[in-house]
N, C-alpha and C. Protein backbone atom coordinates (compact mmCIF):
# COMPACT_ATOMS: atom_id res chain seq x y z
N HIS A 1 -148.93 1.57 -29.15
CA HIS A 1 -148.79 2.33 -27.92
C HIS A 1 -147.49 1.91 -27.27
N MET A 2 -146.69 2.85 -26.77
CA MET A 2 -145.39 2.49 -26.23
C MET A 2 -145.09 3.23 -24.92
N TYR A 3 -146.01 3.23 -23.99
CA TYR A 3 -145.69 3.77 -22.67
C TYR A 3 -145.21 2.58 -21.86
N CYS A 4 -143.94 2.25 -22.04
CA CYS A 4 -143.39 1.02 -21.46
C CYS A 4 -141.89 1.19 -21.26
N GLY A 5 -141.26 0.13 -20.83
CA GLY A 5 -139.82 0.14 -20.66
C GLY A 5 -139.09 0.02 -21.98
N PRO A 6 -137.78 0.20 -21.96
CA PRO A 6 -137.00 0.20 -23.19
C PRO A 6 -136.96 -1.15 -23.91
N VAL A 7 -137.02 -2.26 -23.19
CA VAL A 7 -137.01 -3.57 -23.85
C VAL A 7 -138.32 -3.79 -24.60
N ALA A 8 -139.43 -3.46 -23.97
CA ALA A 8 -140.73 -3.57 -24.65
C ALA A 8 -140.78 -2.63 -25.85
N ALA A 9 -140.16 -1.48 -25.73
CA ALA A 9 -140.11 -0.54 -26.84
C ALA A 9 -139.35 -1.15 -28.02
N ALA A 10 -138.20 -1.77 -27.75
CA ALA A 10 -137.43 -2.41 -28.82
C ALA A 10 -138.24 -3.52 -29.48
N ALA A 11 -138.98 -4.29 -28.68
CA ALA A 11 -139.82 -5.35 -29.23
C ALA A 11 -140.95 -4.76 -30.08
N ALA A 12 -141.57 -3.70 -29.60
CA ALA A 12 -142.67 -3.07 -30.34
C ALA A 12 -142.18 -2.54 -31.69
N ILE A 13 -140.99 -1.96 -31.70
CA ILE A 13 -140.44 -1.43 -32.95
C ILE A 13 -140.24 -2.55 -33.96
N GLN A 14 -139.74 -3.70 -33.50
CA GLN A 14 -139.53 -4.83 -34.42
C GLN A 14 -140.86 -5.36 -34.96
N ILE A 15 -141.87 -5.43 -34.10
CA ILE A 15 -143.20 -5.87 -34.56
C ILE A 15 -143.77 -4.88 -35.56
N ASP A 16 -143.59 -3.60 -35.28
CA ASP A 16 -144.10 -2.56 -36.19
C ASP A 16 -143.54 -2.72 -37.60
N THR A 17 -142.24 -3.02 -37.69
CA THR A 17 -141.60 -3.07 -39.01
C THR A 17 -142.10 -4.21 -39.88
N CYS A 18 -142.69 -5.23 -39.27
CA CYS A 18 -143.18 -6.36 -40.09
C CYS A 18 -144.70 -6.43 -40.12
N SER A 19 -145.37 -5.39 -39.65
CA SER A 19 -146.83 -5.36 -39.67
C SER A 19 -147.29 -4.50 -40.85
N PRO A 20 -147.94 -5.09 -41.85
CA PRO A 20 -148.31 -4.33 -43.04
C PRO A 20 -149.30 -3.20 -42.78
N ASN A 21 -150.07 -3.29 -41.71
CA ASN A 21 -151.04 -2.23 -41.43
C ASN A 21 -150.59 -1.30 -40.31
N PHE A 22 -149.29 -1.31 -39.99
CA PHE A 22 -148.76 -0.43 -38.95
C PHE A 22 -148.83 1.02 -39.42
N LEU A 23 -149.19 1.93 -38.49
CA LEU A 23 -149.27 3.35 -38.84
C LEU A 23 -148.45 4.23 -37.93
N ILE A 24 -148.71 4.20 -36.61
CA ILE A 24 -148.07 5.14 -35.68
C ILE A 24 -147.56 4.40 -34.45
N GLN A 25 -146.35 4.75 -34.01
CA GLN A 25 -145.78 4.20 -32.78
C GLN A 25 -145.42 5.37 -31.86
N GLU A 26 -146.03 5.40 -30.69
CA GLU A 26 -145.65 6.41 -29.71
C GLU A 26 -144.25 6.12 -29.23
N ALA A 27 -143.57 7.12 -28.71
CA ALA A 27 -142.20 6.93 -28.26
C ALA A 27 -141.97 7.57 -26.90
N ASN A 28 -141.36 6.81 -26.02
CA ASN A 28 -140.94 7.34 -24.72
C ASN A 28 -139.45 7.61 -24.82
N GLN A 29 -139.05 8.85 -24.67
CA GLN A 29 -137.65 9.20 -24.78
C GLN A 29 -137.11 9.69 -23.44
N GLY A 30 -137.55 9.04 -22.37
CA GLY A 30 -137.10 9.40 -21.03
C GLY A 30 -135.62 9.13 -20.85
N PRO A 31 -135.05 9.61 -19.74
CA PRO A 31 -133.61 9.49 -19.51
C PRO A 31 -133.09 8.05 -19.57
N LEU A 32 -133.81 7.11 -18.97
CA LEU A 32 -133.34 5.72 -18.99
C LEU A 32 -133.39 5.14 -20.39
N HIS A 33 -134.40 5.47 -21.16
CA HIS A 33 -134.51 4.98 -22.53
C HIS A 33 -133.32 5.44 -23.37
N LYS A 34 -132.80 6.61 -23.08
CA LYS A 34 -131.71 7.17 -23.89
C LYS A 34 -130.35 6.57 -23.57
N LYS A 35 -130.20 5.96 -22.39
CA LYS A 35 -128.86 5.50 -22.03
C LYS A 35 -128.74 4.02 -21.68
N ILE A 36 -129.82 3.26 -21.62
CA ILE A 36 -129.73 1.87 -21.18
C ILE A 36 -129.15 0.94 -22.25
N PHE A 37 -129.24 1.32 -23.52
CA PHE A 37 -128.67 0.52 -24.58
C PHE A 37 -127.32 1.09 -25.00
N LYS A 38 -126.42 0.21 -25.45
CA LYS A 38 -125.11 0.68 -25.92
C LYS A 38 -125.27 1.66 -27.07
N GLU A 39 -126.20 1.37 -27.95
CA GLU A 39 -126.55 2.27 -29.05
C GLU A 39 -128.00 2.69 -28.83
N PRO A 40 -128.26 3.95 -28.53
CA PRO A 40 -129.64 4.36 -28.25
C PRO A 40 -130.54 4.24 -29.48
N LEU A 41 -131.84 4.17 -29.23
CA LEU A 41 -132.79 4.17 -30.33
C LEU A 41 -132.64 5.48 -31.09
N VAL A 42 -132.74 5.41 -32.40
CA VAL A 42 -132.49 6.57 -33.26
C VAL A 42 -133.81 7.08 -33.82
N PHE A 43 -133.98 8.39 -33.75
CA PHE A 43 -135.16 9.05 -34.30
C PHE A 43 -134.68 10.03 -35.37
N GLU A 44 -135.26 9.94 -36.57
CA GLU A 44 -134.90 10.85 -37.67
C GLU A 44 -136.17 11.38 -38.32
N ASN A 45 -136.28 12.68 -38.39
CA ASN A 45 -137.42 13.33 -39.04
C ASN A 45 -138.77 12.81 -38.55
N GLY A 46 -138.86 12.55 -37.25
CA GLY A 46 -140.11 12.09 -36.66
C GLY A 46 -140.35 10.59 -36.78
N PHE A 47 -139.38 9.85 -37.27
CA PHE A 47 -139.52 8.40 -37.43
C PHE A 47 -138.50 7.67 -36.57
N ILE A 48 -138.87 6.49 -36.08
CA ILE A 48 -137.95 5.63 -35.35
C ILE A 48 -137.22 4.78 -36.37
N VAL A 49 -135.89 4.76 -36.29
CA VAL A 49 -135.09 3.91 -37.16
C VAL A 49 -134.94 2.56 -36.45
N PRO A 50 -135.47 1.48 -37.02
CA PRO A 50 -135.41 0.18 -36.34
C PRO A 50 -133.96 -0.26 -36.10
N PRO A 51 -133.64 -0.73 -34.89
CA PRO A 51 -132.30 -1.24 -34.63
C PRO A 51 -132.04 -2.48 -35.50
N THR A 52 -130.80 -2.68 -35.90
CA THR A 52 -130.49 -3.77 -36.84
C THR A 52 -129.66 -4.89 -36.23
N GLY A 53 -129.39 -4.84 -34.94
CA GLY A 53 -128.62 -5.91 -34.30
C GLY A 53 -129.43 -7.19 -34.21
N PRO A 54 -128.81 -8.26 -33.70
CA PRO A 54 -129.52 -9.53 -33.56
C PRO A 54 -130.67 -9.44 -32.55
N GLY A 55 -131.63 -10.32 -32.69
CA GLY A 55 -132.76 -10.34 -31.75
C GLY A 55 -133.60 -9.08 -31.87
N LEU A 56 -133.78 -8.39 -30.77
CA LEU A 56 -134.55 -7.15 -30.78
C LEU A 56 -133.75 -5.98 -31.34
N GLY A 57 -132.48 -6.22 -31.62
CA GLY A 57 -131.66 -5.18 -32.24
C GLY A 57 -130.93 -4.28 -31.27
N VAL A 58 -131.03 -4.57 -29.98
CA VAL A 58 -130.41 -3.71 -28.98
C VAL A 58 -129.52 -4.53 -28.05
N GLU A 59 -128.56 -3.85 -27.43
CA GLU A 59 -127.68 -4.48 -26.45
C GLU A 59 -127.58 -3.55 -25.25
N PHE A 60 -127.77 -4.13 -24.06
CA PHE A 60 -127.72 -3.32 -22.84
C PHE A 60 -126.33 -2.78 -22.56
N ASP A 61 -126.28 -1.58 -22.00
CA ASP A 61 -125.06 -1.05 -21.40
C ASP A 61 -125.07 -1.57 -19.97
N GLU A 62 -124.27 -2.57 -19.70
CA GLU A 62 -124.30 -3.26 -18.40
C GLU A 62 -124.03 -2.32 -17.23
N ASP A 63 -123.21 -1.30 -17.40
CA ASP A 63 -122.94 -0.36 -16.31
C ASP A 63 -124.20 0.42 -15.94
N VAL A 64 -124.97 0.81 -16.94
CA VAL A 64 -126.22 1.53 -16.68
C VAL A 64 -127.23 0.61 -16.00
N VAL A 65 -127.32 -0.63 -16.46
CA VAL A 65 -128.23 -1.60 -15.85
C VAL A 65 -127.87 -1.80 -14.38
N LYS A 66 -126.60 -2.02 -14.09
CA LYS A 66 -126.15 -2.24 -12.70
C LYS A 66 -126.46 -1.03 -11.82
N ALA A 67 -126.36 0.15 -12.38
CA ALA A 67 -126.64 1.37 -11.61
C ALA A 67 -128.11 1.52 -11.27
N HIS A 68 -128.99 0.78 -11.96
CA HIS A 68 -130.44 0.90 -11.75
C HIS A 68 -131.08 -0.37 -11.19
N LEU A 69 -130.26 -1.27 -10.66
CA LEU A 69 -130.81 -2.50 -10.08
C LEU A 69 -131.64 -2.19 -8.84
N VAL A 70 -132.73 -2.91 -8.69
CA VAL A 70 -133.60 -2.78 -7.53
C VAL A 70 -133.82 -4.18 -6.97
N SER A 71 -133.69 -4.31 -5.66
CA SER A 71 -133.92 -5.64 -5.09
C SER A 71 -135.13 -5.65 -4.20
């Protein structure tokens, strides 16, 4: 289940790829999810392509993060 923020989504995708009994991952493709990472999550033919960078595989676009800060 992936009704969550983009960081939790990146973590879920990494867990999915190493779980032998994984079947389906829901995806939230809201506006923030599409632009908060320097390289957005990729979807091809109905599948999520796991990011390949270090750690969770994603890197924040700092300008987008700063524009959405809440105090």
